[in-house]
Amino acid sequence: MGKKIKKEVEPPPKDVFDPLTIESKKAATVVLMLSSPEEEILAKACEAIYKFALKGEENKATLLELGAVEPLTKLLTHEDKVVRRNATMIFGILASNSDVKKLLRELEVMNSVIAQLAPEEEVVIHEFASLCLANMSVEYTGKVQIFEHGGLEPLIRLLSSPDPDVKKNCIECIYNLVQDFQCRTTLQELNPIPPMLELLKSEYPIIQLLALKTLGVVTCDKESRTMLKDSQGLDQLTKILETKELNDLHVEALSVIANCLEDMDTMVLMQQTGGLKKLLSFAENSTIPDIQKNAAKAITKAAYDPENRKIFHEQEVEKCLVTLLGSDSDGTKIAASQAISAMSENSSSKDFFNTQGIPQIVQLLKSDNEEVREAAALALANLTTSSPANANAAAEADAIDPLINILSSKRDGAIANAATVLTNMAIQEPLRLVIQSHEVMHALLGPLHSTNTVVQSTAALTVAATACDVEARNELRNCGGLEPLTELLHSKNDEVRRHASWAVMVCAGDELTAVELCRLGALDILEEINLSVSRKNKFSEAAYNKLLNNNLSLKYSQTGYLSSSNIISDGFYDYGRINPGTKLLPLKELCLQELNDHRAILLVNSKSDTSPPPSMEDKLSDVGYGRSISSSSSLRRASKEKSTAGFGSPTEEKSEPTSGRNTVLSRGATKEKGSRKGRGKKEEEKVKEEEEVLAVPKQTEGSPDKEWYPPPDPDFCAYVFEVTKSILPIINLKDQIETLAKYVADKMGGKIPKEKLSDFSWELHISELKFQLKSNVIPIGYIKKGIFYHRALLFKALADKIGVGCCLVRGEYSRAWNEVKLLNEDRKGIIGRLPPPEEYIVDLMFHPGALLKLRSKEADLYRFL
């Protein structure tokens, strides 16, 4: 045998590094390895980092601090599959950390992550890349980046992946993305409904739940609902509801069905297939509150469509909703009340709830839960709108007291709904009286002060509905409700302004409230509103006119017209025409002004209670003063005569409460006639001047606290007495008008022929009176030479005292006239009816007592030439 020769081992090349096995216990060392060019070291380093990151949030933060994220992002595109897979796995875990997400967005790695969803990649890469995207899609900026880099298409494709984790991550990411409208729009183009419906068959509940939640969002759009219906999705949803084992999915399934029921064709399909009946039965019989609540919400959504309401009514949905009202869950009660509110738009449903529903809803008004009370009030508001029967049913169920209590609720919606119900009830007088007895005006103070425009609007409307009686207006005025109501007129909201104007118009129905509203500035605000084309409305104009009817001086100055229902009372003054927006000074200020060369202000005053100081009283003519203090008693006596003659006057009650000395009047009148016959003209004017200088200007000399009285007018008082005594008893209206016209003309200078009108020196007479009285205000009775507008005012003032209806109209160039209506006995009306009255102008100048047909040449000559 030959000798064995030992083989020598060749030494390694001198330029090759000997293999080194290192065991590292520091994360920082491993992070440094991420920069190695060796695939094996990179793979092992990534594996170690992945295990480290899995252990908790603190470790993820540590890796971020050590700067691991940036080198890892470069490994997402590494050529080696193992390195790329391990890096993707790390990002799937790290992306749940908010700081890491922020850094990833800044590094713009979204494109690299989405690339890992390519079909050729491993399932593990799909799983962790989709997990990374699901974490990144939680925040809005992450959604934007995923959408902009085309992430939707691969995510939808992977819904069909065989791996459940991939499915779960993809559907979760899609659910987050479709919260954005733009993503939903793009999603429709990718036909996502079929793969989502497939996920409903998954054996994993979380995947089924996420699929249903996503469907619940995407079916908000009509196109997606159509796709769901075409894919037989409704059948799958119905089967889920019928499967008791899937009760954890019932709530979300109901949410999807609720969206689908908004479409009429889907509603019809479900009705035809029996799905609608099953849905209602399911809702009624379920013992799970959330399911009942979502079923009611589904009905609410669908019931906004009129045709859907008809179908629901045919399926007797009302019974189901009444049952749900009795649930122990507040959420179900709220949802059921909202569904009833939607169904009440159907008249048949509204009638059904009259006996079965309203009593239960009224009970909910007393709930301790504010949201329940708000929903119940909403249902009741809709049920009582345009339904007196339901309003009565609510009142019979004792709804008024809890409704008024809700007016002090902290929830604006509850207040607005309760106010609406009270408004609906107050339309009926018996219910309005009951509401008023509960001090509703005090309860409305809070809502009137609210800053919510809906509450303001409904509260003002409730005031308009309940303030129809004097007692209610007094209560509103006494409790301070007029001030916030007036403030609402300033609102920039059209509805608030409209309803506030409506309420003011109603409140202006009695004089005291109207005066208070004017004091608070309502008239000025309304005038300002009506000057604006965009802000004015029918109610603001009506409210302004209503307030003007309680301030006839301003009305006549602004409009130049007083109707027969505008009764001139004492204190009325004619300032002349003023432009809209110009403030009319009160009578007191006008009386205290220095004498000027402006048009004289005419005053109507028959009051006898303007008692001057004793020193003045001694200097006044006993005759004139006696006549003025007793004019009202003569009216009262004449009122008895008038009632015997068969006449009724709306002014007599206003004239009564002044004085009651009949004998003084007759003595004073006799004394007046006797004394004036013995006096010369100069002496008479001197006495008159002394009387008025004492009576008018010296009122300014008293203490500032002393009550101010308008200048007395003894001559006008005498006119009232004489007219009441001689003209009031005349039975024929035409004769009354003619006689009064001649009387007025006689007191104002007599008949003036047209050709001598320019010679009638009334201007000088007025100037002398202003100088004698040292005032711009002239009582009408002192004018003895009057032109058109003097005579027309005197005629109107005296006609109103004796109940003769006439209008006062201001024209141009010192013209004014009175219009009256008379039945023409020669005309024949429709059988069984009186002919309509004809309108005339009363001639007080050229042929006193003549009646000129309104639309005639003679009338036009009187008014304009």
Foldseek 3Di string as FASTA:
>chain_A
DDDDDDDDDDDDDPPDDDDDDDDDDDLLVLLVQLPPPDPVSLLVSLVVLLVQLVVDDVSLVVCVVSVSLVSLLVQCPDPDLSNNLSSLSSLLRSLLDPVSLVVCLVVLSLLSLLVLLDPPHDPSSLLSSLSNLLSNLQDDSSLVSCVVSPNLQSLLVCLPPPDVSSVLSSLSNLLSNLVDPVSLVVVLVNLSQVSLLVQCPDPDLSSNQSSLSSLLRSLLDVSSLVSCVVNVVLVVLLVLLVDPVNVVNLLSSLSNLLSNLLDPVSLVVCVVVVVVLVLLVSLQPDPDLSNVLSSLQSLLSNLLDPVSLVVCVVSVSLVSLLSQCPDPDLSSVLSSLSSLLSSLVDVVSLVVCLVRPLLSLLVQLPDPDLSSVLSSLSSLLSSLVVPQSSLVSNVVSVNLVSLLVQLPPPDLSNNLSSLSSLLSNLQDPVSLVVNVVNVSLLSLQVLLPDPDLSSLLSSLSSLLSNLQDPVSLVSNVVNVVLLSLLVQCPDPDQSSVQSSLSNLLNSLPDLVSLVVNVVSPSLLSLLVQVVDPVRDDPSSVSSNVSSCLSVVQVVCQDVQKDFLVSADDFLRKHPHHDYRPDDDDHPVVQLQDFDDDDAFIEGAHLALPLDDDPVLVVLADLLLSLLSQCLLLLLVVLCVLLVVLPDDAPCNVVSNPGDNDPVSNVVSVVVVVVVVVPDDPVVVLVNVLSNLLSQRNCVVVDDPPDDDDDGHQSLLSVVLNVLSVPLLSDNDLLVSQLVLLQVLLQQAPHADAPVCPVVQPQVVVLVVQCVSNSGSYDYLSVHRHDDALSSQVSSSNSCNSSRRGWMWGDAPDRHIWIKHWDFDPPDDDDVPDGDGTFIWTADNYHNGSDTHGCPDPVNCVRGPD
